[in-house]
N, C-alpha and C. Protein backbone atom coordinates (compact mmCIF):
# COMPACT_ATOMS: atom_id res chain seq x y z
N MET A 1 0.82 -1.21 0.00
CA MET A 1 0.00 0.00 0.00
C MET A 1 0.86 1.26 0.00
N SER A 2 1.90 1.25 0.83
CA SER A 2 2.73 2.45 0.95
C SER A 2 3.53 2.70 -0.31
N TYR A 3 4.20 1.68 -0.82
CA TYR A 3 5.01 1.87 -2.02
C TYR A 3 4.13 2.06 -3.25
N GLY A 4 2.96 1.39 -3.27
CA GLY A 4 2.05 1.57 -4.38
C GLY A 4 1.51 2.98 -4.46
N HIS A 5 1.47 3.67 -3.31
CA HIS A 5 0.99 5.05 -3.27
C HIS A 5 1.92 5.97 -4.04
N HIS A 6 3.24 5.74 -3.91
CA HIS A 6 4.23 6.60 -4.56
C HIS A 6 4.79 6.00 -5.85
N LEU A 7 4.91 4.67 -5.86
CA LEU A 7 5.53 3.98 -7.00
C LEU A 7 4.61 2.84 -7.43
N PRO A 8 3.54 3.15 -8.15
CA PRO A 8 2.52 2.15 -8.49
C PRO A 8 3.08 0.91 -9.19
N HIS A 9 4.13 1.07 -9.98
CA HIS A 9 4.66 -0.07 -10.72
C HIS A 9 5.32 -1.11 -9.83
N LEU A 10 5.62 -0.76 -8.56
CA LEU A 10 6.22 -1.72 -7.64
C LEU A 10 5.18 -2.44 -6.79
N HIS A 11 3.93 -1.99 -6.87
CA HIS A 11 2.90 -2.54 -5.98
C HIS A 11 2.76 -4.05 -6.13
N GLN A 12 2.62 -4.54 -7.34
CA GLN A 12 2.40 -5.97 -7.56
C GLN A 12 3.61 -6.79 -7.12
N THR A 13 4.80 -6.27 -7.38
CA THR A 13 6.03 -6.99 -7.02
C THR A 13 6.12 -7.21 -5.51
N LEU A 14 5.70 -6.21 -4.75
CA LEU A 14 5.85 -6.27 -3.30
C LEU A 14 4.74 -7.03 -2.60
N LEU A 15 3.76 -7.53 -3.34
CA LEU A 15 2.70 -8.31 -2.73
C LEU A 15 3.21 -9.67 -2.26
N GLU A 16 4.30 -10.15 -2.85
CA GLU A 16 4.83 -11.47 -2.53
C GLU A 16 6.21 -11.35 -1.89
N PRO A 17 6.54 -12.24 -0.94
CA PRO A 17 7.88 -12.23 -0.36
C PRO A 17 8.92 -12.63 -1.41
N ASP A 18 10.15 -12.13 -1.23
CA ASP A 18 11.22 -12.52 -2.13
C ASP A 18 12.23 -13.39 -1.39
N LEU A 19 13.28 -13.79 -2.07
CA LEU A 19 14.24 -14.72 -1.48
C LEU A 19 14.92 -14.12 -0.26
N LEU A 20 15.17 -12.80 -0.28
CA LEU A 20 15.88 -12.18 0.84
C LEU A 20 15.03 -12.19 2.11
N ASP A 21 13.70 -12.21 1.96
CA ASP A 21 12.83 -12.25 3.14
C ASP A 21 13.10 -13.49 3.99
N ALA A 22 13.51 -14.57 3.37
CA ALA A 22 13.73 -15.82 4.09
C ALA A 22 15.19 -16.04 4.48
N ASP A 23 16.06 -15.10 4.14
CA ASP A 23 17.48 -15.27 4.45
C ASP A 23 17.72 -15.13 5.95
N GLU A 24 18.63 -15.94 6.47
CA GLU A 24 18.88 -15.94 7.90
C GLU A 24 19.54 -14.66 8.39
N ASN A 25 20.08 -13.85 7.48
CA ASN A 25 20.69 -12.58 7.86
C ASN A 25 19.76 -11.39 7.62
N THR A 26 18.48 -11.68 7.46
CA THR A 26 17.47 -10.65 7.23
C THR A 26 16.38 -10.74 8.29
N VAL A 27 15.95 -9.59 8.77
CA VAL A 27 14.85 -9.52 9.73
C VAL A 27 13.85 -8.48 9.23
N SER A 28 12.58 -8.83 9.24
CA SER A 28 11.52 -7.88 8.91
C SER A 28 10.74 -7.55 10.17
N VAL A 29 10.44 -6.28 10.36
CA VAL A 29 9.65 -5.87 11.52
C VAL A 29 8.33 -5.29 11.04
N LEU A 30 7.31 -5.50 11.85
CA LEU A 30 5.96 -5.10 11.51
C LEU A 30 5.39 -4.25 12.62
N CYS A 31 4.81 -3.12 12.27
CA CYS A 31 4.17 -2.24 13.25
C CYS A 31 2.66 -2.46 13.14
N VAL A 32 2.03 -2.78 14.26
CA VAL A 32 0.61 -3.13 14.28
C VAL A 32 -0.17 -2.13 15.11
N ASP A 33 -1.29 -1.67 14.57
CA ASP A 33 -2.18 -0.77 15.29
C ASP A 33 -2.94 -1.57 16.35
N LYS A 34 -2.79 -1.19 17.62
CA LYS A 34 -3.41 -1.97 18.69
C LYS A 34 -4.94 -1.93 18.64
N ALA A 35 -5.49 -0.80 18.22
CA ALA A 35 -6.95 -0.65 18.22
C ALA A 35 -7.61 -1.53 17.16
N SER A 36 -7.03 -1.53 15.94
CA SER A 36 -7.66 -2.25 14.84
C SER A 36 -7.04 -3.62 14.57
N GLY A 37 -5.79 -3.84 15.04
CA GLY A 37 -5.09 -5.07 14.73
C GLY A 37 -4.51 -5.11 13.33
N SER A 38 -4.54 -3.97 12.63
CA SER A 38 -4.04 -3.91 11.26
C SER A 38 -2.56 -3.56 11.22
N ALA A 39 -1.87 -4.05 10.20
CA ALA A 39 -0.48 -3.67 9.97
C ALA A 39 -0.44 -2.26 9.42
N VAL A 40 0.39 -1.41 10.02
CA VAL A 40 0.45 0.00 9.59
C VAL A 40 1.86 0.43 9.18
N GLY A 41 2.85 -0.39 9.41
CA GLY A 41 4.21 -0.02 9.03
C GLY A 41 5.13 -1.22 9.02
N THR A 42 6.23 -1.10 8.31
CA THR A 42 7.16 -2.22 8.22
C THR A 42 8.56 -1.71 7.88
N ALA A 43 9.55 -2.54 8.14
CA ALA A 43 10.93 -2.26 7.74
C ALA A 43 11.65 -3.60 7.63
N ARG A 44 12.70 -3.61 6.82
CA ARG A 44 13.48 -4.84 6.65
C ARG A 44 14.96 -4.53 6.86
N PHE A 45 15.61 -5.36 7.67
CA PHE A 45 17.03 -5.18 7.98
C PHE A 45 17.82 -6.35 7.40
N GLN A 46 18.83 -6.04 6.60
CA GLN A 46 19.74 -7.07 6.11
C GLN A 46 21.15 -6.75 6.59
N THR A 47 21.80 -7.71 7.22
CA THR A 47 23.18 -7.50 7.66
C THR A 47 24.14 -8.11 6.64
N ASN A 48 25.42 -7.72 6.76
CA ASN A 48 26.42 -8.25 5.83
C ASN A 48 27.08 -9.52 6.36
N ALA A 49 26.44 -10.17 7.34
CA ALA A 49 27.02 -11.39 7.91
C ALA A 49 27.16 -12.49 6.86
N GLY A 50 26.27 -12.49 5.86
CA GLY A 50 26.32 -13.54 4.85
C GLY A 50 26.86 -13.08 3.51
N GLY A 51 27.35 -11.85 3.45
CA GLY A 51 27.88 -11.34 2.19
C GLY A 51 27.48 -9.91 1.94
N LEU A 52 27.54 -9.49 0.69
CA LEU A 52 27.24 -8.10 0.35
C LEU A 52 25.79 -7.75 0.65
N LEU A 53 25.58 -6.49 1.04
CA LEU A 53 24.23 -5.98 1.16
C LEU A 53 23.65 -5.80 -0.25
N LEU A 54 22.33 -5.76 -0.34
CA LEU A 54 21.70 -5.55 -1.64
C LEU A 54 22.23 -4.29 -2.32
N ILE A 55 22.34 -3.22 -1.54
CA ILE A 55 22.74 -1.93 -2.09
C ILE A 55 24.18 -1.97 -2.62
N GLU A 56 24.97 -2.93 -2.11
CA GLU A 56 26.37 -3.02 -2.53
C GLU A 56 26.54 -3.69 -3.89
N HIS A 57 25.44 -4.11 -4.50
CA HIS A 57 25.49 -4.56 -5.89
C HIS A 57 25.35 -3.37 -6.84
N SER A 58 25.08 -2.18 -6.25
CA SER A 58 24.95 -0.97 -7.05
C SER A 58 25.99 0.08 -6.71
N VAL A 59 26.53 0.04 -5.49
CA VAL A 59 27.54 1.01 -5.06
C VAL A 59 28.65 0.29 -4.32
N THR A 60 29.81 0.92 -4.28
CA THR A 60 30.95 0.39 -3.52
C THR A 60 31.12 1.25 -2.27
N VAL A 61 31.07 0.62 -1.11
CA VAL A 61 31.19 1.39 0.13
C VAL A 61 32.65 1.78 0.35
N PRO A 62 32.89 2.86 1.10
CA PRO A 62 34.27 3.30 1.37
C PRO A 62 35.07 2.24 2.13
N ASP A 63 36.38 2.36 2.05
CA ASP A 63 37.28 1.39 2.66
C ASP A 63 37.03 1.24 4.16
N GLU A 64 36.74 2.35 4.86
CA GLU A 64 36.60 2.25 6.32
C GLU A 64 35.36 1.47 6.73
N MET A 65 34.45 1.23 5.79
CA MET A 65 33.25 0.45 6.09
C MET A 65 33.38 -1.00 5.67
N ARG A 66 34.26 -1.26 4.72
CA ARG A 66 34.29 -2.56 4.05
C ARG A 66 34.62 -3.71 5.00
N ALA A 67 35.47 -3.45 5.98
CA ALA A 67 35.86 -4.51 6.91
C ALA A 67 35.04 -4.50 8.19
N ASP A 68 33.97 -3.70 8.21
CA ASP A 68 33.18 -3.53 9.42
C ASP A 68 31.78 -4.13 9.24
N THR A 69 31.04 -4.18 10.34
CA THR A 69 29.68 -4.71 10.29
C THR A 69 28.74 -3.65 9.73
N ARG A 70 27.82 -4.09 8.84
CA ARG A 70 26.92 -3.16 8.16
C ARG A 70 25.52 -3.76 8.08
N ALA A 71 24.53 -2.89 8.02
CA ALA A 71 23.15 -3.33 7.80
C ALA A 71 22.47 -2.33 6.88
N GLU A 72 21.70 -2.85 5.95
CA GLU A 72 20.91 -1.99 5.08
C GLU A 72 19.46 -2.02 5.54
N ILE A 73 18.87 -0.84 5.65
CA ILE A 73 17.46 -0.73 6.02
C ILE A 73 16.67 -0.44 4.75
N THR A 74 15.75 -1.32 4.41
CA THR A 74 14.92 -1.12 3.23
C THR A 74 13.45 -1.26 3.61
N ARG A 75 12.58 -0.83 2.71
CA ARG A 75 11.13 -0.99 2.87
C ARG A 75 10.62 -0.38 4.17
N LEU A 76 11.31 0.66 4.64
CA LEU A 76 10.82 1.36 5.83
C LEU A 76 9.65 2.24 5.38
N SER A 77 8.46 1.85 5.74
CA SER A 77 7.28 2.52 5.20
C SER A 77 6.12 2.43 6.16
N ALA A 78 5.18 3.32 5.97
CA ALA A 78 3.93 3.33 6.73
C ALA A 78 2.79 3.53 5.75
N VAL A 79 1.63 3.01 6.10
CA VAL A 79 0.47 3.19 5.21
C VAL A 79 0.12 4.66 5.15
N PRO A 80 -0.42 5.13 4.04
CA PRO A 80 -0.80 6.53 3.92
C PRO A 80 -1.74 6.95 5.05
N GLY A 81 -1.40 8.09 5.69
CA GLY A 81 -2.22 8.59 6.78
C GLY A 81 -1.88 8.02 8.14
N ALA A 82 -0.83 7.20 8.24
CA ALA A 82 -0.46 6.60 9.53
C ALA A 82 0.04 7.66 10.50
N ASP A 83 -0.08 7.39 11.79
CA ASP A 83 0.44 8.29 12.82
C ASP A 83 1.95 8.46 12.61
N PRO A 84 2.48 9.68 12.76
CA PRO A 84 3.93 9.90 12.61
C PRO A 84 4.78 9.03 13.53
N LEU A 85 4.20 8.59 14.66
CA LEU A 85 4.95 7.73 15.58
C LEU A 85 5.29 6.38 14.96
N VAL A 86 4.57 5.98 13.93
CA VAL A 86 4.87 4.70 13.29
C VAL A 86 6.28 4.70 12.74
N LYS A 87 6.61 5.71 11.93
CA LYS A 87 7.95 5.75 11.35
C LYS A 87 9.02 5.99 12.42
N LEU A 88 8.71 6.82 13.42
CA LEU A 88 9.68 7.05 14.49
C LEU A 88 9.98 5.74 15.23
N SER A 89 8.93 4.97 15.49
CA SER A 89 9.12 3.70 16.19
C SER A 89 9.91 2.72 15.34
N LEU A 90 9.67 2.73 14.04
CA LEU A 90 10.43 1.84 13.16
C LEU A 90 11.89 2.26 13.10
N MET A 91 12.15 3.58 13.15
CA MET A 91 13.54 4.04 13.17
C MET A 91 14.22 3.64 14.48
N LYS A 92 13.48 3.75 15.59
CA LYS A 92 14.07 3.32 16.86
C LYS A 92 14.33 1.82 16.83
N ALA A 93 13.40 1.07 16.27
CA ALA A 93 13.61 -0.38 16.14
C ALA A 93 14.84 -0.68 15.29
N SER A 94 15.04 0.11 14.23
CA SER A 94 16.23 -0.07 13.38
C SER A 94 17.50 0.14 14.18
N TYR A 95 17.51 1.20 14.98
CA TYR A 95 18.68 1.49 15.81
C TYR A 95 18.92 0.37 16.83
N LEU A 96 17.84 -0.04 17.52
CA LEU A 96 17.99 -1.08 18.54
C LEU A 96 18.45 -2.40 17.93
N PHE A 97 17.97 -2.71 16.73
CA PHE A 97 18.41 -3.93 16.06
C PHE A 97 19.92 -3.88 15.80
N CYS A 98 20.38 -2.74 15.30
CA CYS A 98 21.82 -2.61 15.00
C CYS A 98 22.66 -2.72 16.26
N VAL A 99 22.20 -2.11 17.34
CA VAL A 99 22.93 -2.22 18.61
C VAL A 99 22.95 -3.66 19.08
N ALA A 100 21.81 -4.34 19.03
CA ALA A 100 21.71 -5.71 19.53
C ALA A 100 22.56 -6.68 18.71
N THR A 101 22.74 -6.41 17.44
CA THR A 101 23.50 -7.31 16.57
C THR A 101 24.91 -6.78 16.28
N GLN A 102 25.33 -5.76 17.03
CA GLN A 102 26.68 -5.19 16.95
C GLN A 102 27.02 -4.70 15.54
N ILE A 103 26.06 -3.98 14.95
CA ILE A 103 26.27 -3.36 13.64
C ILE A 103 26.82 -1.95 13.84
N ARG A 104 27.88 -1.62 13.13
CA ARG A 104 28.44 -0.27 13.24
C ARG A 104 27.83 0.70 12.23
N TRP A 105 27.60 0.23 11.01
CA TRP A 105 27.15 1.14 9.96
C TRP A 105 25.76 0.77 9.47
N MET A 106 24.87 1.75 9.47
CA MET A 106 23.55 1.60 8.88
C MET A 106 23.57 2.31 7.53
N VAL A 107 23.07 1.64 6.50
CA VAL A 107 23.08 2.20 5.14
C VAL A 107 21.66 2.23 4.60
N ILE A 108 21.29 3.34 3.96
CA ILE A 108 19.96 3.45 3.37
C ILE A 108 20.06 4.17 2.03
N GLY A 109 19.03 4.00 1.21
CA GLY A 109 18.91 4.76 -0.03
C GLY A 109 17.66 5.60 0.05
N ALA A 110 17.76 6.89 -0.27
CA ALA A 110 16.62 7.81 -0.23
C ALA A 110 16.30 8.26 -1.64
N ARG A 111 15.03 8.11 -2.02
CA ARG A 111 14.69 8.36 -3.42
C ARG A 111 14.37 9.82 -3.73
N ASN A 112 14.15 10.65 -2.70
CA ASN A 112 13.86 12.06 -2.98
C ASN A 112 14.48 12.96 -1.91
N GLU A 113 14.49 14.25 -2.19
CA GLU A 113 15.17 15.19 -1.31
C GLU A 113 14.51 15.29 0.06
N ALA A 114 13.18 15.14 0.11
CA ALA A 114 12.49 15.21 1.41
C ALA A 114 12.97 14.09 2.32
N LEU A 115 13.13 12.88 1.78
CA LEU A 115 13.63 11.76 2.58
C LEU A 115 15.08 11.98 2.98
N VAL A 116 15.88 12.53 2.07
CA VAL A 116 17.28 12.83 2.38
C VAL A 116 17.36 13.77 3.58
N ARG A 117 16.53 14.81 3.58
CA ARG A 117 16.53 15.76 4.71
C ARG A 117 16.13 15.07 6.00
N GLN A 118 15.15 14.19 5.95
CA GLN A 118 14.72 13.47 7.16
C GLN A 118 15.87 12.65 7.74
N TYR A 119 16.56 11.92 6.87
CA TYR A 119 17.66 11.08 7.35
C TYR A 119 18.84 11.91 7.84
N ARG A 120 19.11 13.02 7.19
CA ARG A 120 20.19 13.88 7.67
C ARG A 120 19.89 14.42 9.07
N ARG A 121 18.63 14.72 9.33
CA ARG A 121 18.27 15.19 10.68
C ARG A 121 18.52 14.11 11.73
N LEU A 122 18.51 12.87 11.32
CA LEU A 122 18.78 11.76 12.24
C LEU A 122 20.28 11.49 12.38
N GLY A 123 21.10 12.19 11.59
CA GLY A 123 22.55 12.02 11.70
C GLY A 123 23.18 11.28 10.54
N PHE A 124 22.39 10.87 9.55
CA PHE A 124 22.96 10.21 8.38
C PHE A 124 23.78 11.21 7.56
N THR A 125 24.82 10.73 6.95
CA THR A 125 25.64 11.56 6.06
C THR A 125 25.75 10.87 4.71
N ASP A 126 26.11 11.62 3.69
CA ASP A 126 26.19 11.06 2.35
C ASP A 126 27.35 10.08 2.24
N LEU A 127 27.08 8.98 1.54
CA LEU A 127 28.12 7.97 1.34
C LEU A 127 29.22 8.54 0.45
N PHE A 128 28.85 9.41 -0.49
CA PHE A 128 29.80 10.03 -1.40
C PHE A 128 29.89 11.52 -1.13
N ASP A 129 31.04 12.10 -1.35
CA ASP A 129 31.24 13.52 -1.08
C ASP A 129 30.50 14.42 -2.06
N ASP A 130 30.18 13.90 -3.23
CA ASP A 130 29.58 14.76 -4.25
C ASP A 130 28.05 14.68 -4.31
N ASP A 131 27.44 14.05 -3.30
CA ASP A 131 25.98 13.96 -3.21
C ASP A 131 25.35 13.34 -4.47
N ARG A 132 26.06 12.44 -5.10
CA ARG A 132 25.55 11.86 -6.34
C ARG A 132 24.33 10.97 -6.05
N ARG A 133 23.50 10.80 -7.07
CA ARG A 133 22.38 9.87 -7.03
C ARG A 133 22.72 8.71 -7.96
N VAL A 134 22.44 7.50 -7.49
CA VAL A 134 22.80 6.32 -8.27
C VAL A 134 21.58 5.43 -8.45
N PRO A 135 21.45 4.79 -9.63
CA PRO A 135 20.35 3.84 -9.83
C PRO A 135 20.61 2.57 -9.02
N LEU A 136 19.62 2.14 -8.26
CA LEU A 136 19.77 0.94 -7.43
C LEU A 136 19.08 -0.24 -8.11
N LEU A 137 19.84 -1.31 -8.31
CA LEU A 137 19.31 -2.48 -9.01
C LEU A 137 18.11 -3.08 -8.29
N HIS A 138 18.16 -3.09 -6.94
CA HIS A 138 17.06 -3.71 -6.19
C HIS A 138 15.89 -2.77 -5.97
N ALA A 139 15.93 -1.59 -6.55
CA ALA A 139 14.83 -0.64 -6.45
C ALA A 139 14.37 -0.22 -7.84
N GLY A 140 14.35 -1.19 -8.74
CA GLY A 140 13.87 -0.92 -10.09
C GLY A 140 14.72 0.06 -10.87
N ARG A 141 16.01 0.17 -10.50
CA ARG A 141 16.96 1.10 -11.13
C ARG A 141 16.57 2.57 -10.95
N LEU A 142 15.71 2.84 -9.97
CA LEU A 142 15.40 4.23 -9.65
C LEU A 142 16.61 4.87 -8.98
N GLU A 143 16.86 6.13 -9.27
CA GLU A 143 18.00 6.82 -8.69
C GLU A 143 17.72 7.15 -7.22
N HIS A 144 18.70 6.87 -6.37
CA HIS A 144 18.63 7.16 -4.94
C HIS A 144 19.90 7.86 -4.49
N GLN A 145 19.78 8.59 -3.42
CA GLN A 145 20.96 9.12 -2.74
C GLN A 145 21.28 8.15 -1.60
N VAL A 146 22.51 7.71 -1.51
CA VAL A 146 22.89 6.70 -0.53
C VAL A 146 23.51 7.39 0.69
N LEU A 147 23.00 7.04 1.87
CA LEU A 147 23.48 7.66 3.10
C LEU A 147 23.88 6.58 4.11
N ARG A 148 24.71 6.99 5.06
CA ARG A 148 25.17 6.06 6.08
C ARG A 148 25.10 6.70 7.45
N LEU A 149 25.06 5.85 8.48
CA LEU A 149 25.03 6.32 9.86
C LEU A 149 25.96 5.46 10.69
N ASN A 150 26.85 6.10 11.46
CA ASN A 150 27.70 5.38 12.40
C ASN A 150 26.88 5.13 13.66
N VAL A 151 26.37 3.92 13.80
CA VAL A 151 25.45 3.58 14.89
C VAL A 151 26.09 3.80 16.26
N THR A 152 27.38 3.51 16.37
CA THR A 152 28.05 3.59 17.66
C THR A 152 28.21 5.03 18.14
N ALA A 153 28.04 6.00 17.25
CA ALA A 153 28.24 7.40 17.63
C ALA A 153 26.93 8.15 17.88
N VAL A 154 25.79 7.51 17.60
CA VAL A 154 24.51 8.22 17.65
C VAL A 154 24.21 8.78 19.04
N GLU A 155 24.33 7.97 20.07
CA GLU A 155 23.93 8.41 21.41
C GLU A 155 24.73 9.62 21.87
N ARG A 156 26.05 9.55 21.76
CA ARG A 156 26.86 10.67 22.26
C ARG A 156 26.70 11.92 21.38
N THR A 157 26.51 11.72 20.08
CA THR A 157 26.30 12.87 19.18
C THR A 157 24.99 13.56 19.49
N TRP A 158 23.92 12.80 19.63
CA TRP A 158 22.62 13.39 19.94
C TRP A 158 22.61 14.06 21.30
N ARG A 159 23.31 13.45 22.26
CA ARG A 159 23.36 14.06 23.61
C ARG A 159 24.07 15.41 23.55
N ALA A 160 25.17 15.50 22.82
CA ALA A 160 25.91 16.75 22.69
C ALA A 160 25.09 17.80 21.95
N GLN A 161 24.27 17.37 21.02
CA GLN A 161 23.46 18.30 20.22
C GLN A 161 22.14 18.66 20.89
N HIS A 162 21.81 18.01 22.00
CA HIS A 162 20.48 18.15 22.61
C HIS A 162 19.41 17.87 21.57
N HIS A 163 19.59 16.76 20.87
CA HIS A 163 18.70 16.38 19.77
C HIS A 163 17.27 16.22 20.28
N ALA A 164 16.32 16.67 19.47
CA ALA A 164 14.91 16.64 19.88
C ALA A 164 14.39 15.22 20.12
N LEU A 165 15.01 14.23 19.49
CA LEU A 165 14.54 12.85 19.65
C LEU A 165 15.36 12.04 20.66
N TYR A 166 16.28 12.70 21.35
CA TYR A 166 17.15 11.96 22.28
C TYR A 166 16.33 11.23 23.33
N GLU A 167 15.39 11.92 23.95
CA GLU A 167 14.59 11.29 25.00
C GLU A 167 13.80 10.11 24.45
N PHE A 168 13.20 10.27 23.29
CA PHE A 168 12.39 9.20 22.69
C PHE A 168 13.25 7.96 22.43
N PHE A 169 14.46 8.16 21.94
CA PHE A 169 15.32 7.03 21.57
C PHE A 169 16.03 6.41 22.77
N PHE A 170 16.48 7.24 23.72
CA PHE A 170 17.41 6.74 24.74
C PHE A 170 16.89 6.78 26.17
N ASP A 171 15.96 7.65 26.49
CA ASP A 171 15.49 7.76 27.87
C ASP A 171 14.18 7.04 28.14
N ILE A 172 13.39 6.83 27.11
CA ILE A 172 12.08 6.19 27.29
C ILE A 172 12.17 4.74 26.84
N ALA A 173 11.74 3.84 27.74
CA ALA A 173 11.67 2.43 27.38
C ALA A 173 10.33 2.16 26.70
N HIS A 174 10.38 1.52 25.56
CA HIS A 174 9.16 1.20 24.81
C HIS A 174 9.01 -0.33 24.76
N PRO A 175 8.32 -0.91 25.75
CA PRO A 175 8.18 -2.37 25.78
C PRO A 175 7.45 -2.95 24.57
N ASP A 176 6.71 -2.10 23.85
CA ASP A 176 6.01 -2.60 22.67
C ASP A 176 6.95 -2.87 21.50
N ILE A 177 8.17 -2.34 21.56
CA ILE A 177 9.15 -2.65 20.50
C ILE A 177 9.80 -3.98 20.88
N GLN A 178 9.31 -5.05 20.26
CA GLN A 178 9.73 -6.41 20.61
C GLN A 178 10.46 -7.02 19.41
N LEU A 179 11.76 -6.80 19.38
CA LEU A 179 12.53 -7.22 18.21
C LEU A 179 12.72 -8.72 18.10
N PHE A 180 12.72 -9.43 19.23
CA PHE A 180 13.03 -10.85 19.19
C PHE A 180 11.93 -11.68 19.84
N SER A 181 10.71 -11.18 19.79
CA SER A 181 9.57 -11.89 20.36
C SER A 181 9.16 -13.05 19.46
N THR A 182 8.65 -14.12 20.06
CA THR A 182 8.13 -15.25 19.29
C THR A 182 6.62 -15.18 19.16
N GLN A 183 6.01 -14.15 19.75
CA GLN A 183 4.56 -14.00 19.66
C GLN A 183 4.18 -13.42 18.29
N PRO A 184 3.02 -13.82 17.74
CA PRO A 184 2.60 -13.27 16.45
C PRO A 184 2.27 -11.79 16.56
N ALA A 185 2.63 -11.04 15.53
CA ALA A 185 2.36 -9.60 15.54
C ALA A 185 0.91 -9.31 15.21
N LEU A 186 0.27 -10.20 14.45
CA LEU A 186 -1.12 -10.02 14.05
C LEU A 186 -1.96 -11.17 14.58
N PRO A 187 -3.28 -10.96 14.73
CA PRO A 187 -4.17 -12.06 15.13
C PRO A 187 -4.10 -13.18 14.10
N ARG A 188 -4.54 -14.37 14.51
CA ARG A 188 -4.56 -15.50 13.58
C ARG A 188 -5.39 -15.17 12.36
N ARG A 189 -4.96 -15.65 11.22
CA ARG A 189 -5.64 -15.32 9.97
C ARG A 189 -7.09 -15.78 9.96
N GLU A 190 -7.41 -16.84 10.70
CA GLU A 190 -8.77 -17.37 10.67
C GLU A 190 -9.74 -16.53 11.49
N SER A 191 -9.24 -15.63 12.33
CA SER A 191 -10.13 -14.89 13.23
C SER A 191 -10.95 -13.86 12.47
N SER A 192 -12.17 -13.61 12.96
CA SER A 192 -13.05 -12.65 12.31
C SER A 192 -12.50 -11.24 12.43
N ASN A 193 -11.81 -10.93 13.53
CA ASN A 193 -11.25 -9.59 13.70
C ASN A 193 -10.20 -9.31 12.64
N TRP A 194 -9.39 -10.32 12.34
CA TRP A 194 -8.33 -10.11 11.34
C TRP A 194 -8.94 -9.79 9.99
N THR A 195 -9.97 -10.58 9.59
CA THR A 195 -10.56 -10.35 8.27
C THR A 195 -11.29 -9.03 8.21
N ALA A 196 -11.91 -8.64 9.30
CA ALA A 196 -12.69 -7.41 9.29
C ALA A 196 -11.82 -6.18 9.13
N ASN A 197 -10.60 -6.26 9.62
CA ASN A 197 -9.74 -5.07 9.62
C ASN A 197 -8.61 -5.15 8.61
N THR A 198 -8.70 -6.07 7.67
CA THR A 198 -7.62 -6.29 6.72
C THR A 198 -8.11 -6.03 5.30
N PRO A 199 -7.29 -5.35 4.47
CA PRO A 199 -7.69 -5.11 3.08
C PRO A 199 -8.04 -6.41 2.37
N ALA A 200 -8.99 -6.33 1.45
CA ALA A 200 -9.49 -7.53 0.77
C ALA A 200 -8.38 -8.29 0.06
N TRP A 201 -7.43 -7.53 -0.59
CA TRP A 201 -6.37 -8.21 -1.34
C TRP A 201 -5.48 -9.04 -0.43
N LEU A 202 -5.29 -8.57 0.85
CA LEU A 202 -4.43 -9.30 1.77
C LEU A 202 -5.13 -10.54 2.30
N VAL A 203 -6.43 -10.43 2.55
CA VAL A 203 -7.20 -11.60 2.97
C VAL A 203 -7.16 -12.66 1.89
N ALA A 204 -7.33 -12.23 0.63
CA ALA A 204 -7.29 -13.19 -0.48
C ALA A 204 -5.93 -13.86 -0.59
N ALA A 205 -4.86 -13.05 -0.43
CA ALA A 205 -3.51 -13.61 -0.50
C ALA A 205 -3.28 -14.61 0.62
N SER A 206 -3.82 -14.32 1.81
CA SER A 206 -3.66 -15.22 2.95
C SER A 206 -4.40 -16.53 2.71
N ALA A 207 -5.60 -16.44 2.15
CA ALA A 207 -6.36 -17.65 1.84
C ALA A 207 -5.60 -18.51 0.83
N ARG A 208 -4.99 -17.86 -0.17
CA ARG A 208 -4.21 -18.59 -1.17
C ARG A 208 -3.02 -19.29 -0.54
N ASP A 209 -2.37 -18.58 0.42
CA ASP A 209 -1.21 -19.18 1.09
C ASP A 209 -1.62 -20.43 1.85
N ARG A 210 -2.79 -20.37 2.51
CA ARG A 210 -3.23 -21.53 3.29
C ARG A 210 -3.54 -22.70 2.38
N GLU A 211 -4.17 -22.41 1.21
CA GLU A 211 -4.50 -23.48 0.28
C GLU A 211 -3.25 -24.15 -0.26
N ASN A 212 -2.25 -23.35 -0.55
CA ASN A 212 -1.01 -23.89 -1.10
C ASN A 212 -0.09 -24.43 -0.02
N GLU A 213 -0.38 -24.11 1.24
CA GLU A 213 0.46 -24.49 2.37
C GLU A 213 1.90 -24.10 2.13
N ALA A 214 2.09 -22.89 1.58
CA ALA A 214 3.44 -22.41 1.29
C ALA A 214 3.87 -21.44 2.37
N PRO A 215 4.91 -21.75 3.14
CA PRO A 215 5.36 -20.82 4.17
C PRO A 215 5.94 -19.55 3.57
N LEU A 216 5.77 -18.42 4.27
CA LEU A 216 6.32 -17.16 3.79
C LEU A 216 7.81 -17.07 4.05
N ARG A 217 8.34 -17.89 4.95
CA ARG A 217 9.75 -17.85 5.29
C ARG A 217 10.32 -19.25 5.27
N SER A 218 11.61 -19.34 5.07
CA SER A 218 12.28 -20.62 5.21
C SER A 218 12.48 -20.90 6.68
N ALA A 219 12.88 -22.12 7.01
CA ALA A 219 13.07 -22.49 8.41
C ALA A 219 14.17 -21.66 9.05
N SER A 220 15.09 -21.13 8.26
CA SER A 220 16.20 -20.36 8.82
C SER A 220 15.84 -18.90 9.06
N GLY A 221 14.67 -18.48 8.56
CA GLY A 221 14.29 -17.09 8.73
C GLY A 221 13.98 -16.74 10.17
N ARG A 222 14.38 -15.56 10.63
CA ARG A 222 14.10 -15.11 11.98
C ARG A 222 12.96 -14.10 11.94
N SER A 223 12.07 -14.18 12.92
CA SER A 223 10.95 -13.24 12.93
C SER A 223 11.23 -12.12 13.90
N ALA A 224 10.63 -10.98 13.64
CA ALA A 224 10.74 -9.84 14.54
C ALA A 224 9.49 -9.01 14.38
N LEU A 225 9.15 -8.24 15.39
CA LEU A 225 7.94 -7.44 15.29
C LEU A 225 8.05 -6.19 16.11
N VAL A 226 7.23 -5.23 15.74
CA VAL A 226 7.05 -4.03 16.56
C VAL A 226 5.56 -3.93 16.79
N ASN A 227 5.09 -4.16 18.01
CA ASN A 227 3.65 -4.09 18.28
C ASN A 227 3.22 -2.66 18.49
């Protein structure tokens, strides 16, 4: 829904999981609205524990990053009209995931200047000195600006800057951000509440999955959620 809103040609592609979704070095997080039980936001984290990040098939990272731990954040999105806290919570979840898995560098691609400004406010800097935009193979060859964040420096940098989000990220505990929970993020698919609050296309896709008995993840896939 989110990507289809801005990039309609990607809508159909994103309806189905891809191979990276089931990779053991990938984690997807889901933000669920407590009142309705509907999914309202998501993000996907891929680490370089098993090899190159997706984005590294389109760009070469600087030498100081190449021998270090890295994670690419993709598909960070919220449904149109979602509460602004959805994206903030997903960003905090991204940070907490990197800390928990000892990732030093977070890498993202931003497709427009508004997103670039948002990430820069969070402390991201350009991967290249010339602010170039590069076509990303895993994003339909759309041009993106690639940015990076030194995860280990975020807390002390924000504290020195009196950053507006410091308290939200570091002083407030959010027990609803459950990165390694084994509990389902959404109600069971068979429940009436799930069907009532879920878009028709997703209900249909879920019914098809049950008929085919095809799992969305391989046995090696790890689950994560943000309630």
